[in-house]
Amino acid sequence: MKLTSRSMKRESNLELSMTSMIDVVFLLLIFFMVTTSFTQAEKELDPAIKTDGSGTNTASDLEPIIIDVFDDGGIPSFRLGSQTSTTIDELRIQLQAITNRDDGAFVKVGNGVPFYYPAAAMQVCSELSFATVTYIASEN
């Protein structure tokens, strides 16, 4: 049993409702406008590192401060860079010349050195307001 006739099929036109599609497009547009965050361009951001404009760095600004405490023929000695000293007072004078104390200092100790000498070096660094003082034992 057939309920529709052939003539009805020919006359019906397919019609699309554009209203719902326009609603979806506007909802997506509003969603993207609301959720978009507008950030500054990278070239407009302030850098974290400030410079004085001279553009020059000294080697001491870039190298870590390492104090080697070693036994020099029975005499405990301190080496800071290329300078060697045998007393705590000489080491203090060398460390006072260092301006970059924010990176801290490393006290590297060789074998056979009495603990008094690296402890004294760490105390001098602490008194001169180094940010951190790290003790490094020798691996030998």
Protein backbone atom coordinates (compact mmCIF):
# COMPACT_ATOMS: atom_id res chain seq x y z
CA MET A 1 0.00 0.00 0.00
CA LYS A 2 1.39 3.26 -1.12
CA LEU A 3 0.38 6.42 0.73
CA THR A 4 1.93 9.06 -1.49
CA SER A 5 1.56 9.53 -5.11
CA ARG A 6 4.23 10.29 -7.64
CA SER A 7 2.92 13.76 -8.20
CA MET A 8 3.58 14.80 -4.60
CA LYS A 9 7.19 13.73 -4.73
CA ARG A 10 7.90 15.91 -7.72
CA GLU A 11 6.36 19.02 -6.23
CA SER A 12 8.12 19.01 -2.81
CA ASN A 13 11.21 21.25 -2.72
CA LEU A 14 13.95 20.74 -0.21
CA GLU A 15 14.44 23.86 1.87
CA LEU A 16 17.37 24.54 4.26
CA SER A 17 16.82 26.62 7.32
CA MET A 18 19.71 29.14 7.55
CA THR A 19 18.62 30.50 10.92
CA SER A 20 20.30 27.81 12.99
CA MET A 21 23.53 28.08 10.98
CA ILE A 22 23.66 31.85 11.51
CA ASP A 23 23.10 31.31 15.25
CA VAL A 24 26.01 28.85 15.41
CA VAL A 25 28.30 31.22 13.52
CA PHE A 26 27.50 34.11 15.87
CA LEU A 27 27.98 31.90 18.93
CA LEU A 28 31.42 30.85 17.69
CA LEU A 29 32.34 34.44 16.91
CA ILE A 30 31.33 35.59 20.40
CA PHE A 31 33.18 32.65 22.00
CA PHE A 32 36.45 33.44 20.23
CA MET A 33 36.17 37.16 20.96
CA VAL A 34 35.61 36.54 24.67
CA THR A 35 38.31 33.89 25.14
CA THR A 36 41.04 35.65 23.18
CA SER A 37 43.72 37.19 25.37
CA PHE A 38 45.54 40.15 23.99
CA THR A 39 49.19 40.05 25.04
CA GLN A 40 51.99 42.48 24.38
CA ALA A 41 54.31 41.76 21.54
CA GLU A 42 57.62 40.28 22.66
CA LYS A 43 59.55 43.31 21.48
CA GLU A 44 57.44 45.54 23.77
CA LEU A 45 58.08 43.50 26.95
CA ASP A 46 60.61 44.67 29.53
CA PRO A 47 63.70 42.46 29.70
CA ALA A 48 64.51 40.74 32.98
CA ILE A 49 68.20 41.65 32.64
CA LYS A 50 68.96 45.33 32.96
CA THR A 51 72.17 46.78 31.57
CA ASP A 52 73.97 50.03 32.19
CA GLY A 53 74.29 50.68 28.47
CA SER A 54 78.06 50.38 28.31
CA GLY A 55 77.84 46.90 26.81
CA THR A 56 80.99 45.66 28.53
CA ASN A 57 81.25 42.69 30.85
CA THR A 58 84.28 41.72 32.81
CA ALA A 59 85.38 38.12 33.04
CA SER A 60 84.68 38.09 36.78
CA ASP A 61 80.99 38.82 36.07
CA LEU A 62 80.67 35.61 34.09
CA GLU A 63 82.95 33.18 35.93
CA PRO A 64 81.96 31.47 39.16
CA ILE A 65 83.95 32.37 42.26
CA ILE A 66 85.90 29.25 43.20
CA ILE A 67 88.30 29.24 46.15
CA ASP A 68 90.65 26.24 46.00
CA VAL A 69 92.02 25.24 49.40
CA PHE A 70 95.00 22.94 48.93
CA ASP A 71 98.13 21.71 50.70
CA ASP A 72 101.26 23.37 49.27
CA GLY A 73 104.15 21.45 50.80
CA GLY A 74 102.67 21.33 54.29
CA ILE A 75 101.30 24.89 54.11
CA PRO A 76 97.56 25.23 53.47
CA SER A 77 97.02 27.74 50.65
CA PHE A 78 94.08 29.46 48.97
CA ARG A 79 93.79 29.95 45.21
CA LEU A 80 91.28 32.43 43.82
CA GLY A 81 91.59 32.51 40.04
CA SER A 82 95.29 32.98 39.31
CA GLN A 83 96.11 34.50 42.70
CA THR A 84 97.43 32.34 45.51
CA SER A 85 97.53 33.33 49.17
CA THR A 86 98.66 31.56 52.32
CA THR A 87 96.71 33.52 54.94
CA ILE A 88 93.08 34.27 55.56
CA ASP A 89 93.78 38.02 55.56
CA GLU A 90 95.23 37.89 52.03
CA LEU A 91 92.19 35.89 50.90
CA ARG A 92 89.87 38.49 52.48
CA ILE A 93 91.61 41.30 50.53
CA GLN A 94 91.21 39.36 47.27
CA LEU A 95 87.52 38.64 47.95
CA GLN A 96 86.77 42.29 48.85
CA ALA A 97 87.75 43.27 45.29
CA ILE A 98 84.95 41.11 43.87
CA THR A 99 81.79 43.10 43.20
CA ASN A 100 79.48 40.34 41.92
CA ARG A 101 78.55 38.53 45.13
CA ASP A 102 75.02 37.56 44.12
CA ASP A 103 76.13 34.33 42.42
CA GLY A 104 77.79 33.04 45.60
CA ALA A 105 81.13 31.30 46.07
CA PHE A 106 82.42 27.74 45.99
CA VAL A 107 85.06 26.51 48.44
CA LYS A 108 86.79 23.52 46.85
CA VAL A 109 88.95 21.55 49.28
CA GLY A 110 91.82 19.21 48.44
CA ASN A 111 92.87 16.10 50.35
CA GLY A 112 94.88 16.46 53.55
CA VAL A 113 93.83 20.03 54.33
CA PRO A 114 92.74 20.62 57.95
CA PHE A 115 89.08 21.60 58.21
CA TYR A 116 89.95 24.92 59.86
CA TYR A 117 91.12 26.45 56.56
CA PRO A 118 88.05 25.76 54.38
CA ALA A 119 85.84 26.75 57.33
CA ALA A 120 87.75 30.04 57.63
CA ALA A 121 87.35 30.66 53.87
CA MET A 122 83.61 30.03 54.15
CA GLN A 123 83.41 32.39 57.12
CA VAL A 124 85.18 35.16 55.16
CA CYS A 125 82.71 34.71 52.27
CA SER A 126 79.81 34.88 54.69
CA GLU A 127 81.16 38.04 56.33
CA LEU A 128 81.55 39.69 52.90
CA SER A 129 77.85 39.01 52.12
CA PHE A 130 78.15 36.42 49.37
CA ALA A 131 74.67 35.14 48.52
CA THR A 132 75.59 31.48 49.01
CA VAL A 133 78.74 29.63 50.00
CA THR A 134 79.05 26.02 48.84
CA TYR A 135 81.53 23.47 50.19
CA ILE A 136 82.95 21.08 47.58
CA ALA A 137 85.03 18.14 48.78
CA SER A 138 87.81 16.76 46.60
CA GLU A 139 87.04 13.57 44.68
CA ASN A 140 90.62 12.27 44.92
